[in-house]
């Protein structure tokens, strides 16, 4: 083998060594990139789980619909509200003050947690937005942040209220025994449909998503005027309902703080 052949062979060896080195470098870079992608996936999954857990915890303090809107984007944040037609629901427990005074605080707390949880499940079943709990009282509205239309919103609200009353009627004695209630559990319900201001109210430090206005006041007053284990609907709600349930004839209801008498219809469980 002459010198030229030896040099040519050396060049080929050098080329092969360089190619091998490049292949190894490329393989190392691909492996590094693969590891970075896997790490990014793991971090993304960890963040997803953290966000999911935060959402689960937040939904304990806010209505799930509101929680979803907050997590979805910044447009929902800040002191913002709008005027919408809502169907507003109020309920409270008959003689709750007397009942609570006769119960041990631990028993009372256990009972309230059960009662509010059970009622909340029915609210969510029918698509209502839980506004707030006020002791034993519950305020719910239909029509925001999403609406199925005025008639459907009103119907969902009414049928939710009926199912609440039906559930309590069927389980009244068991609940009384289980939670050592001094008397049977009965609730009153008021429902009214009308214009409200709904959205974020408060300050830069703390906001509350709620509905305010005359419609809310009327729903609350109807609940106070309602008979035990009944549902009292305003005429505005009644005309939107398409139901086979039996109502009373139209009657006038005098309500504290409301200038004119209210036209209303009552439903009582047969």
C-alpha atoms as a PDB file:
ATOM      1  CA  UNK A   1       0.000   0.000   0.000  1.00  0.00           C
ATOM      2  CA  UNK A   2       1.588   3.240  -1.064  1.00  0.00           C
ATOM      3  CA  UNK A   3       1.498   6.560   0.787  1.00  0.00           C
ATOM      4  CA  UNK A   4      -1.430   7.940  -1.202  1.00  0.00           C
ATOM      5  CA  UNK A   5      -3.564   4.893  -0.460  1.00  0.00           C
ATOM      6  CA  UNK A   6      -2.680   5.154   3.217  1.00  0.00           C
ATOM      7  CA  UNK A   7      -3.685   8.824   3.305  1.00  0.00           C
ATOM      8  CA  UNK A   8      -6.933   8.092   1.518  1.00  0.00           C
ATOM      9  CA  UNK A   9      -7.685   5.335   4.038  1.00  0.00           C
ATOM     10  CA  UNK A  10      -6.884   7.709   6.896  1.00  0.00           C
ATOM     11  CA  UNK A  11      -9.256  10.309   5.440  1.00  0.00           C
ATOM     12  CA  UNK A  12     -12.034   7.726   5.193  1.00  0.00           C
ATOM     13  CA  UNK A  13     -11.423   6.646   8.802  1.00  0.00           C
ATOM     14  CA  UNK A  14     -11.512  10.272   9.930  1.00  0.00           C
ATOM     15  CA  UNK A  15     -14.760  10.821   8.003  1.00  0.00           C
ATOM     16  CA  UNK A  16     -16.309   7.726   9.558  1.00  0.00           C
ATOM     17  CA  UNK A  17     -15.175   8.829  13.018  1.00  0.00           C
ATOM     18  CA  UNK A  18     -16.653  12.291  12.452  1.00  0.00           C
ATOM     19  CA  UNK A  19     -19.941  10.823  11.219  1.00  0.00           C
ATOM     20  CA  UNK A  20     -20.069   8.528  14.249  1.00  0.00           C
ATOM     21  CA  UNK A  21     -19.372  11.461  16.525  1.00  0.00           C
ATOM     22  CA  UNK A  22     -22.118  13.498  14.850  1.00  0.00           C
ATOM     23  CA  UNK A  23     -24.576  10.603  15.085  1.00  0.00           C
ATOM     24  CA  UNK A  24     -23.763  10.233  18.765  1.00  0.00           C
ATOM     25  CA  UNK A  25     -24.188  13.996  19.286  1.00  0.00           C
ATOM     26  CA  UNK A  26     -27.529  13.968  17.457  1.00  0.00           C
ATOM     27  CA  UNK A  27     -28.669  10.926  19.474  1.00  0.00           C
ATOM     28  CA  UNK A  28     -27.673  12.663  22.706  1.00  0.00           C
ATOM     29  CA  UNK A  29     -29.544  15.824  21.692  1.00  0.00           C
ATOM     30  CA  UNK A  30     -32.636  13.820  20.742  1.00  0.00           C
ATOM     31  CA  UNK A  31     -32.510  12.047  24.093  1.00  0.00           C
ATOM     32  CA  UNK A  32     -32.116  15.388  25.856  1.00  0.00           C
ATOM     33  CA  UNK A  33     -35.073  16.827  23.962  1.00  0.00           C
ATOM     34  CA  UNK A  34     -37.103  13.702  24.718  1.00  0.00           C
ATOM     35  CA  UNK A  35     -36.324  14.098  28.417  1.00  0.00           C
ATOM     36  CA  UNK A  36     -37.288  17.779  28.285  1.00  0.00           C
ATOM     37  CA  UNK A  37     -40.613  16.925  26.605  1.00  0.00           C
ATOM     38  CA  UNK A  38     -41.316  14.233  29.188  1.00  0.00           C
ATOM     39  CA  UNK A  39     -40.445  16.620  31.999  1.00  0.00           C
ATOM     40  CA  UNK A  40     -42.716  19.273  30.480  1.00  0.00           C
ATOM     41  CA  UNK A  41     -45.539  16.721  30.243  1.00  0.00           C
ATOM     42  CA  UNK A  42     -45.029  15.735  33.870  1.00  0.00           C
ATOM     43  CA  UNK A  43     -45.005  19.389  34.966  1.00  0.00           C
ATOM     44  CA  UNK A  44     -48.131  20.088  32.899  1.00  0.00           C
ATOM     45  CA  UNK A  45     -49.905  17.108  34.467  1.00  0.00           C
ATOM     46  CA  UNK A  46     -48.826  18.258  37.921  1.00  0.00           C
ATOM     47  CA  UNK A  47     -50.172  21.757  37.211  1.00  0.00           C
ATOM     48  CA  UNK A  48     -53.405  20.262  35.838  1.00  0.00           C
ATOM     49  CA  UNK A  49     -53.871  18.261  39.035  1.00  0.00           C
ATOM     50  CA  UNK A  50     -53.116  21.330  41.155  1.00  0.00           C
ATOM     51  CA  UNK A  51     -55.646  23.388  39.157  1.00  0.00           C
ATOM     52  CA  UNK A  52     -58.200  20.573  39.352  1.00  0.00           C
ATOM     53  CA  UNK A  53     -57.785  20.360  43.122  1.00  0.00           C
ATOM     54  CA  UNK A  54     -57.978  24.153  43.434  1.00  0.00           C
ATOM     55  CA  UNK A  55     -61.157  24.102  41.348  1.00  0.00           C
ATOM     56  CA  UNK A  56     -62.615  21.354  43.550  1.00  0.00           C
ATOM     57  CA  UNK A  57     -61.837  23.331  46.694  1.00  0.00           C
ATOM     58  CA  UNK A  58     -63.055  26.606  45.206  1.00  0.00           C
ATOM     59  CA  UNK A  59     -66.334  24.974  44.181  1.00  0.00           C
ATOM     60  CA  UNK A  60     -67.013  24.341  47.878  1.00  0.00           C
ATOM     61  CA  UNK A  61     -67.175  28.105  48.399  1.00  0.00           C
ATOM     62  CA  UNK A  62     -68.690  29.150  45.079  1.00  0.00           C
ATOM     63  CA  UNK A  63     -71.444  27.764  42.917  1.00  0.00           C
ATOM     64  CA  UNK A  64     -69.792  25.388  40.390  1.00  0.00           C
ATOM     65  CA  UNK A  65     -71.005  27.466  37.431  1.00  0.00           C
ATOM     66  CA  UNK A  66     -69.362  30.578  38.872  1.00  0.00           C
ATOM     67  CA  UNK A  67     -66.196  28.655  39.684  1.00  0.00           C
ATOM     68  CA  UNK A  68     -65.956  27.418  36.080  1.00  0.00           C
ATOM     69  CA  UNK A  69     -66.406  30.941  34.725  1.00  0.00           C
ATOM     70  CA  UNK A  70     -63.693  32.327  37.000  1.00  0.00           C
ATOM     71  CA  UNK A  71     -61.203  29.649  35.980  1.00  0.00           C
ATOM     72  CA  UNK A  72     -62.077  30.009  32.299  1.00  0.00           C
ATOM     73  CA  UNK A  73     -60.795  33.547  31.849  1.00  0.00           C
ATOM     74  CA  UNK A  74     -60.176  37.042  33.114  1.00  0.00           C
ATOM     75  CA  UNK A  75     -63.331  38.510  31.531  1.00  0.00           C
ATOM     76  CA  UNK A  76     -65.266  37.267  34.551  1.00  0.00           C
ATOM     77  CA  UNK A  77     -63.080  39.105  37.061  1.00  0.00           C
ATOM     78  CA  UNK A  78     -63.448  42.604  38.467  1.00  0.00           C
ATOM     79  CA  UNK A  79     -66.431  44.631  39.623  1.00  0.00           C
ATOM     80  CA  UNK A  80     -68.787  43.873  36.775  1.00  0.00           C
ATOM     81  CA  UNK A  81     -72.512  43.201  36.654  1.00  0.00           C
ATOM     82  CA  UNK A  82     -75.318  43.249  34.144  1.00  0.00           C
ATOM     83  CA  UNK A  83     -79.101  43.389  34.059  1.00  0.00           C
ATOM     84  CA  UNK A  84     -80.827  40.090  33.320  1.00  0.00           C
ATOM     85  CA  UNK A  85     -84.166  38.395  33.823  1.00  0.00           C
ATOM     86  CA  UNK A  86     -83.728  35.698  36.476  1.00  0.00           C
ATOM     87  CA  UNK A  87     -85.976  33.315  38.331  1.00  0.00           C
ATOM     88  CA  UNK A  88     -85.038  33.649  41.995  1.00  0.00           C
ATOM     89  CA  UNK A  89     -85.698  31.033  44.667  1.00  0.00           C
ATOM     90  CA  UNK A  90     -85.687  31.436  48.452  1.00  0.00           C
ATOM     91  CA  UNK A  91     -86.324  28.781  51.078  1.00  0.00           C
ATOM     92  CA  UNK A  92     -86.022  28.553  54.826  1.00  0.00           C
ATOM     93  CA  UNK A  93     -86.817  26.076  57.575  1.00  0.00           C
ATOM     94  CA  UNK A  94     -90.042  26.652  59.511  1.00  0.00           C
ATOM     95  CA  UNK A  95     -89.363  27.536  63.182  1.00  0.00           C
ATOM     96  CA  UNK A  96     -85.606  27.205  62.694  1.00  0.00           C
ATOM     97  CA  UNK A  97     -84.778  29.593  65.553  1.00  0.00           C
ATOM     98  CA  UNK A  98     -86.837  27.511  67.973  1.00  0.00           C
ATOM     99  CA  UNK A  99     -85.367  24.280  66.618  1.00  0.00           C
ATOM    100  CA  UNK A 100     -81.775  25.508  66.885  1.00  0.00           C
ATOM    101  CA  UNK A 101     -82.211  26.683  70.469  1.00  0.00           C
ATOM    102  CA  UNK A 102     -83.292  23.188  71.535  1.00  0.00           C
ATOM    103  CA  UNK A 103     -80.415  21.366  69.833  1.00  0.00           C
ATOM    104  CA  UNK A 104     -76.849  20.666  70.868  1.00  0.00           C
ATOM    105  CA  UNK A 105     -74.472  22.802  68.726  1.00  0.00           C
ATOM    106  CA  UNK A 106     -72.689  19.744  67.336  1.00  0.00           C
ATOM    107  CA  UNK A 107     -75.986  18.076  66.411  1.00  0.00           C
ATOM    108  CA  UNK A 108     -77.225  21.303  64.863  1.00  0.00           C
ATOM    109  CA  UNK A 109     -74.069  21.640  62.779  1.00  0.00           C
ATOM    110  CA  UNK A 110     -74.290  18.035  61.610  1.00  0.00           C
ATOM    111  CA  UNK A 111     -77.955  18.466  60.662  1.00  0.00           C
ATOM    112  CA  UNK A 112     -77.392  21.747  58.789  1.00  0.00           C
ATOM    113  CA  UNK A 113     -74.514  20.254  56.803  1.00  0.00           C
ATOM    114  CA  UNK A 114     -76.734  17.331  55.807  1.00  0.00           C
ATOM    115  CA  UNK A 115     -79.697  19.533  54.930  1.00  0.00           C
ATOM    116  CA  UNK A 116     -77.735  22.087  52.891  1.00  0.00           C
ATOM    117  CA  UNK A 117     -75.788  19.353  51.091  1.00  0.00           C
ATOM    118  CA  UNK A 118     -78.975  17.516  50.145  1.00  0.00           C
ATOM    119  CA  UNK A 119     -80.710  20.658  48.927  1.00  0.00           C
ATOM    120  CA  UNK A 120     -77.595  21.760  47.017  1.00  0.00           C
ATOM    121  CA  UNK A 121     -77.499  18.471  45.143  1.00  0.00           C
ATOM    122  CA  UNK A 122     -81.031  19.134  43.915  1.00  0.00           C
ATOM    123  CA  UNK A 123     -80.103  22.704  42.923  1.00  0.00           C
ATOM    124  CA  UNK A 124     -77.219  21.411  40.801  1.00  0.00           C
ATOM    125  CA  UNK A 125     -79.402  18.657  39.342  1.00  0.00           C
ATOM    126  CA  UNK A 126     -81.726  21.312  37.891  1.00  0.00           C
ATOM    127  CA  UNK A 127     -78.939  23.693  36.840  1.00  0.00           C
ATOM    128  CA  UNK A 128     -79.494  26.412  39.432  1.00  0.00           C
ATOM    129  CA  UNK A 129     -76.802  28.803  40.651  1.00  0.00           C
ATOM    130  CA  UNK A 130     -76.426  28.782  44.424  1.00  0.00           C
ATOM    131  CA  UNK A 131     -76.144  32.415  45.480  1.00  0.00           C
ATOM    132  CA  UNK A 132     -75.711  31.976  49.209  1.00  0.00           C
ATOM    133  CA  UNK A 133     -76.664  30.198  52.414  1.00  0.00           C
ATOM    134  CA  UNK A 134     -78.004  32.475  55.143  1.00  0.00           C
ATOM    135  CA  UNK A 135     -78.075  30.201  58.161  1.00  0.00           C
ATOM    136  CA  UNK A 136     -80.812  27.752  57.204  1.00  0.00           C
ATOM    137  CA  UNK A 137     -82.034  29.879  54.282  1.00  0.00           C
ATOM    138  CA  UNK A 138     -81.009  29.183  50.687  1.00  0.00           C
ATOM    139  CA  UNK A 139     -80.965  31.645  47.795  1.00  0.00           C
ATOM    140  CA  UNK A 140     -80.722  30.264  44.261  1.00  0.00           C
ATOM    141  CA  UNK A 141     -81.222  31.822  40.842  1.00  0.00           C
ATOM    142  CA  UNK A 142     -81.770  30.490  37.335  1.00  0.00           C
ATOM    143  CA  UNK A 143     -80.756  32.366  34.171  1.00  0.00           C
ATOM    144  CA  UNK A 144     -77.127  33.208  34.917  1.00  0.00           C
ATOM    145  CA  UNK A 145     -74.299  32.621  34.108  1.00  0.00           C
ATOM    146  CA  UNK A 146     -76.153  30.537  31.513  1.00  0.00           C
ATOM    147  CA  UNK A 147     -79.836  30.367  30.608  1.00  0.00           C
ATOM    148  CA  UNK A 148     -82.067  27.798  28.920  1.00  0.00           C
ATOM    149  CA  UNK A 149     -84.683  30.448  28.184  1.00  0.00           C
ATOM    150  CA  UNK A 150     -87.183  32.166  30.481  1.00  0.00           C
ATOM    151  CA  UNK A 151     -89.758  29.358  30.450  1.00  0.00           C
ATOM    152  CA  UNK A 152     -87.248  26.565  31.011  1.00  0.00           C
ATOM    153  CA  UNK A 153     -85.419  28.493  33.740  1.00  0.00           C
ATOM    154  CA  UNK A 154     -88.697  29.079  35.593  1.00  0.00           C
ATOM    155  CA  UNK A 155     -89.777  25.463  35.086  1.00  0.00           C
ATOM    156  CA  UNK A 156     -86.452  24.097  36.326  1.00  0.00           C
ATOM    157  CA  UNK A 157     -86.689  26.277  39.419  1.00  0.00           C
ATOM    158  CA  UNK A 158     -90.259  25.229  40.193  1.00  0.00           C
ATOM    159  CA  UNK A 159     -89.643  21.500  39.659  1.00  0.00           C
ATOM    160  CA  UNK A 160     -86.529  21.723  41.823  1.00  0.00           C
ATOM    161  CA  UNK A 161     -88.663  23.230  44.602  1.00  0.00           C
ATOM    162  CA  UNK A 162     -91.294  20.491  44.194  1.00  0.00           C
ATOM    163  CA  UNK A 163     -88.634  17.782  44.441  1.00  0.00           C
ATOM    164  CA  UNK A 164     -87.249  19.400  47.575  1.00  0.00           C
ATOM    165  CA  UNK A 165     -90.698  19.337  49.192  1.00  0.00           C
ATOM    166  CA  UNK A 166     -91.349  15.780  48.003  1.00  0.00           C
ATOM    167  CA  UNK A 167     -88.002  14.597  49.364  1.00  0.00           C
ATOM    168  CA  UNK A 168     -88.621  16.156  52.770  1.00  0.00           C
ATOM    169  CA  UNK A 169     -92.167  14.769  52.924  1.00  0.00           C
ATOM    170  CA  UNK A 170     -90.919  11.243  52.275  1.00  0.00           C
ATOM    171  CA  UNK A 171     -87.959  11.464  54.647  1.00  0.00           C
ATOM    172  CA  UNK A 172     -89.325  13.785  57.354  1.00  0.00           C
ATOM    173  CA  UNK A 173     -89.575  11.206  60.126  1.00  0.00           C
ATOM    174  CA  UNK A 174     -86.228   9.570  59.345  1.00  0.00           C
ATOM    175  CA  UNK A 175     -84.505  12.971  59.350  1.00  0.00           C
ATOM    176  CA  UNK A 176     -86.114  13.904  62.661  1.00  0.00           C
ATOM    177  CA  UNK A 177     -84.865  10.690  64.299  1.00  0.00           C
ATOM    178  CA  UNK A 178     -81.419  10.712  62.676  1.00  0.00           C
ATOM    179  CA  UNK A 179     -80.621  14.272  63.766  1.00  0.00           C
ATOM    180  CA  UNK A 180     -82.684  14.365  66.961  1.00  0.00           C
ATOM    181  CA  UNK A 181     -84.803  17.269  65.766  1.00  0.00           C
ATOM    182  CA  UNK A 182     -87.314  18.612  68.322  1.00  0.00           C
ATOM    183  CA  UNK A 183     -89.945  18.808  65.564  1.00  0.00           C
ATOM    184  CA  UNK A 184     -90.485  17.606  62.005  1.00  0.00           C
ATOM    185  CA  UNK A 185     -88.527  19.376  59.272  1.00  0.00           C
ATOM    186  CA  UNK A 186     -90.623  21.646  57.061  1.00  0.00           C
ATOM    187  CA  UNK A 187     -89.613  24.415  54.699  1.00  0.00           C
ATOM    188  CA  UNK A 188     -91.239  27.342  52.881  1.00  0.00           C
ATOM    189  CA  UNK A 189     -90.367  28.386  49.329  1.00  0.00           C
ATOM    190  CA  UNK A 190     -90.817  31.649  47.428  1.00  0.00           C
ATOM    191  CA  UNK A 191     -90.151  32.037  43.683  1.00  0.00           C
ATOM    192  CA  UNK A 192     -90.252  35.161  41.517  1.00  0.00           C
ATOM    193  CA  UNK A 193     -89.101  36.015  37.992  1.00  0.00           C
ATOM    194  CA  UNK A 194     -87.959  39.479  36.995  1.00  0.00           C
ATOM    195  CA  UNK A 195     -85.073  41.799  36.190  1.00  0.00           C
ATOM    196  CA  UNK A 196     -82.017  41.725  38.452  1.00  0.00           C
ATOM    197  CA  UNK A 197     -78.547  43.129  38.500  1.00  0.00           C
ATOM    198  CA  UNK A 198     -76.290  40.092  38.622  1.00  0.00           C
ATOM    199  CA  UNK A 199     -72.516  39.814  38.702  1.00  0.00           C
ATOM    200  CA  UNK A 200     -69.555  40.784  40.850  1.00  0.00           C
ATOM    201  CA  UNK A 201     -70.202  43.251  43.653  1.00  0.00           C
ATOM    202  CA  UNK A 202     -67.763  44.384  46.294  1.00  0.00           C
ATOM    203  CA  UNK A 203     -64.313  45.908  46.380  1.00  0.00           C
ATOM    204  CA  UNK A 204     -60.933  45.383  44.771  1.00  0.00           C
ATOM    205  CA  UNK A 205     -60.026  43.202  47.764  1.00  0.00           C
ATOM    206  CA  UNK A 206     -63.146  41.030  47.957  1.00  0.00           C
ATOM    207  CA  UNK A 207     -65.914  40.288  45.490  1.00  0.00           C
ATOM    208  CA  UNK A 208     -69.204  38.436  45.769  1.00  0.00           C
ATOM    209  CA  UNK A 209     -71.065  37.077  42.774  1.00  0.00           C
ATOM    210  CA  UNK A 210     -74.731  37.671  43.526  1.00  0.00           C
ATOM    211  CA  UNK A 211     -78.053  38.979  42.263  1.00  0.00           C
ATOM    212  CA  UNK A 212     -79.650  42.116  43.709  1.00  0.00           C
ATOM    213  CA  UNK A 213     -82.753  44.177  43.115  1.00  0.00           C
ATOM    214  CA  UNK A 214     -86.508  44.221  43.619  1.00  0.00           C
ATOM    215  CA  UNK A 215     -86.910  40.742  42.132  1.00  0.00           C
ATOM    216  CA  UNK A 216     -84.727  39.270  44.875  1.00  0.00           C
ATOM    217  CA  UNK A 217     -86.676  41.166  47.541  1.00  0.00           C
ATOM    218  CA  UNK A 218     -90.011  39.904  46.187  1.00  0.00           C
ATOM    219  CA  UNK A 219     -88.819  36.270  46.117  1.00  0.00           C
ATOM    220  CA  UNK A 220     -87.713  36.618  49.731  1.00  0.00           C
ATOM    221  CA  UNK A 221     -91.032  38.194  50.768  1.00  0.00           C
ATOM    222  CA  UNK A 222     -93.004  35.445  49.003  1.00  0.00           C
ATOM    223  CA  UNK A 223     -91.023  32.833  50.921  1.00  0.00           C
ATOM    224  CA  UNK A 224     -91.935  34.533  54.226  1.00  0.00           C
ATOM    225  CA  UNK A 225     -95.597  34.617  53.193  1.00  0.00           C
ATOM    226  CA  UNK A 226     -95.667  30.989  52.074  1.00  0.00           C
ATOM    227  CA  UNK A 227     -97.477  28.255  53.981  1.00  0.00           C
ATOM    228  CA  UNK A 228     -95.531  25.430  55.618  1.00  0.00           C
ATOM    229  CA  UNK A 229     -94.350  22.770  53.125  1.00  0.00           C
ATOM    230  CA  UNK A 230     -95.616  24.928  50.277  1.00  0.00           C
ATOM    231  CA  UNK A 231     -94.328  26.882  47.300  1.00  0.00           C
ATOM    232  CA  UNK A 232     -95.504  30.423  46.596  1.00  0.00           C
ATOM    233  CA  UNK A 233     -94.908  31.636  43.029  1.00  0.00           C
ATOM    234  CA  UNK A 234     -95.405  35.158  41.790  1.00  0.00           C
ATOM    235  CA  UNK A 235     -97.695  35.680  38.822  1.00  0.00           C
ATOM    236  CA  UNK A 236     -94.626  36.523  36.720  1.00  0.00           C
ATOM    237  CA  UNK A 237     -93.258  33.029  37.369  1.00  0.00           C
ATOM    238  CA  UNK A 238     -96.634  31.283  37.201  1.00  0.00           C
ATOM    239  CA  UNK A 239     -97.356  32.459  33.643  1.00  0.00           C
ATOM    240  CA  UNK A 240     -94.029  30.986  32.486  1.00  0.00           C
ATOM    241  CA  UNK A 241     -94.712  27.534  33.914  1.00  0.00           C
ATOM    242  CA  UNK A 242     -95.995  24.696  31.785  1.00  0.00           C
ATOM    243  CA  UNK A 243     -96.911  22.159  34.441  1.00  0.00           C
ATOM    244  CA  UNK A 244     -99.695  19.793  35.406  1.00  0.00           C
ATOM    245  CA  UNK A 245     -99.239  20.648  39.096  1.00  0.00           C
ATOM    246  CA  UNK A 246    -102.244  22.141  40.829  1.00  0.00           C
ATOM    247  CA  UNK A 247    -102.034  25.719  42.116  1.00  0.00           C
ATOM    248  CA  UNK A 248    -104.405  27.794  44.170  1.00  0.00           C
ATOM    249  CA  UNK A 249    -106.424  30.527  42.540  1.00  0.00           C
ATOM    250  CA  UNK A 250    -104.672  33.863  42.192  1.00  0.00           C
ATOM    251  CA  UNK A 251    -104.400  35.651  45.515  1.00  0.00           C
ATOM    252  CA  UNK A 252    -103.050  38.951  46.770  1.00  0.00           C
ATOM    253  CA  UNK A 253    -100.081  38.846  49.126  1.00  0.00           C
ATOM    254  CA  UNK A 254     -99.062  41.778  51.290  1.00  0.00           C
ATOM    255  CA  UNK A 255     -95.304  41.831  51.755  1.00  0.00           C
ATOM    256  CA  UNK A 256     -93.173  43.954  54.055  1.00  0.00           C
ATOM    257  CA  UNK A 257     -91.271  46.615  52.146  1.00  0.00           C
ATOM    258  CA  UNK A 258     -93.240  46.052  48.911  1.00  0.00           C
ATOM    259  CA  UNK A 259     -95.561  48.948  48.137  1.00  0.00           C
ATOM    260  CA  UNK A 260     -98.284  47.093  46.195  1.00  0.00           C
ATOM    261  CA  UNK A 261     -99.853  43.735  46.932  1.00  0.00           C
ATOM    262  CA  UNK A 262     -98.292  40.837  45.027  1.00  0.00           C
ATOM    263  CA  UNK A 263    -100.255  38.551  42.746  1.00  0.00           C
ATOM    264  CA  UNK A 264     -99.270  34.999  43.634  1.00  0.00           C
ATOM    265  CA  UNK A 265    -100.186  31.327  43.306  1.00  0.00           C
ATOM    266  CA  UNK A 266     -99.460  28.655  45.915  1.00  0.00           C
ATOM    267  CA  UNK A 267     -98.668  24.983  45.504  1.00  0.00           C
ATOM    268  CA  UNK A 268     -99.196  22.494  48.307  1.00  0.00           C
ATOM    269  CA  UNK A 269     -98.244  18.841  48.210  1.00  0.00           C
ATOM    270  CA  UNK A 270    -101.430  16.747  47.776  1.00  0.00           C
END
